[in-house]
Amino acid sequence: EGGGSLGSVADLVPLALPIIEDLSD
């Protein structure tokens, strides 16, 4: 319980990083 939510977030983080870097750049 709950681990699934953390897994989803952990899967989205690496996808969001390049987007954030692109916006920052």
N, C-alpha and C. Protein backbone atom coordinates (compact mmCIF):
# COMPACT_ATOMS: atom_id res chain seq x y z
N GLU A 1 0.83 -1.21 0.00
CA GLU A 1 0.00 0.00 0.00
C GLU A 1 0.87 1.26 0.00
N GLY A 2 0.63 2.12 -0.95
CA GLY A 2 1.40 3.36 -0.99
C GLY A 2 2.64 3.23 -1.87
N GLY A 3 3.22 2.04 -1.88
CA GLY A 3 4.42 1.84 -2.68
C GLY A 3 4.13 2.09 -4.15
N GLY A 4 2.92 1.75 -4.58
CA GLY A 4 2.55 1.96 -5.98
C GLY A 4 2.57 3.44 -6.34
N SER A 5 2.10 4.28 -5.41
CA SER A 5 2.08 5.71 -5.66
C SER A 5 3.51 6.24 -5.78
N LEU A 6 4.37 5.77 -4.89
CA LEU A 6 5.76 6.21 -4.92
C LEU A 6 6.41 5.76 -6.22
N GLY A 7 6.04 4.56 -6.67
CA GLY A 7 6.58 4.03 -7.92
C GLY A 7 6.17 4.90 -9.09
N SER A 8 4.92 5.37 -9.07
CA SER A 8 4.43 6.22 -10.16
C SER A 8 5.21 7.53 -10.18
N VAL A 9 5.40 8.11 -9.00
CA VAL A 9 6.13 9.38 -8.90
C VAL A 9 7.57 9.18 -9.36
N ALA A 10 8.20 8.10 -8.92
CA ALA A 10 9.59 7.82 -9.27
C ALA A 10 9.72 7.64 -10.78
N ASP A 11 8.63 7.17 -11.41
CA ASP A 11 8.66 6.94 -12.86
C ASP A 11 8.46 8.26 -13.61
N LEU A 12 7.75 9.20 -12.97
CA LEU A 12 7.48 10.49 -13.61
C LEU A 12 8.62 11.48 -13.42
N VAL A 13 9.34 11.35 -12.31
CA VAL A 13 10.44 12.29 -12.03
C VAL A 13 11.46 12.36 -13.17
N PRO A 14 12.03 11.23 -13.61
CA PRO A 14 13.03 11.28 -14.69
C PRO A 14 12.45 11.84 -15.98
N LEU A 15 11.13 11.71 -16.16
CA LEU A 15 10.49 12.24 -17.37
C LEU A 15 10.36 13.76 -17.27
N ALA A 16 10.18 14.26 -16.05
CA ALA A 16 9.98 15.69 -15.84
C ALA A 16 11.31 16.45 -15.82
N LEU A 17 12.38 15.79 -15.40
CA LEU A 17 13.68 16.46 -15.29
C LEU A 17 14.11 17.13 -16.59
N PRO A 18 14.11 16.43 -17.73
CA PRO A 18 14.53 17.07 -18.99
C PRO A 18 13.62 18.24 -19.36
N ILE A 19 12.34 18.15 -18.99
CA ILE A 19 11.40 19.23 -19.29
C ILE A 19 11.76 20.46 -18.46
N ILE A 20 12.04 20.23 -17.17
CA ILE A 20 12.41 21.34 -16.28
C ILE A 20 13.72 21.97 -16.75
N GLU A 21 14.67 21.12 -17.15
CA GLU A 21 15.95 21.63 -17.62
C GLU A 21 15.76 22.44 -18.89
N ASP A 22 14.83 22.00 -19.74
CA ASP A 22 14.56 22.71 -21.00
C ASP A 22 13.95 24.07 -20.71
N LEU A 23 13.04 24.12 -19.74
CA LEU A 23 12.41 25.39 -19.38
C LEU A 23 13.43 26.31 -18.73
N SER A 24 14.32 25.72 -17.93
CA SER A 24 15.32 26.50 -17.22
C SER A 24 16.36 27.02 -18.21
N ASP A 25 16.61 26.25 -19.26
CA ASP A 25 17.59 26.63 -20.26
C ASP A 25 16.94 27.58 -21.25
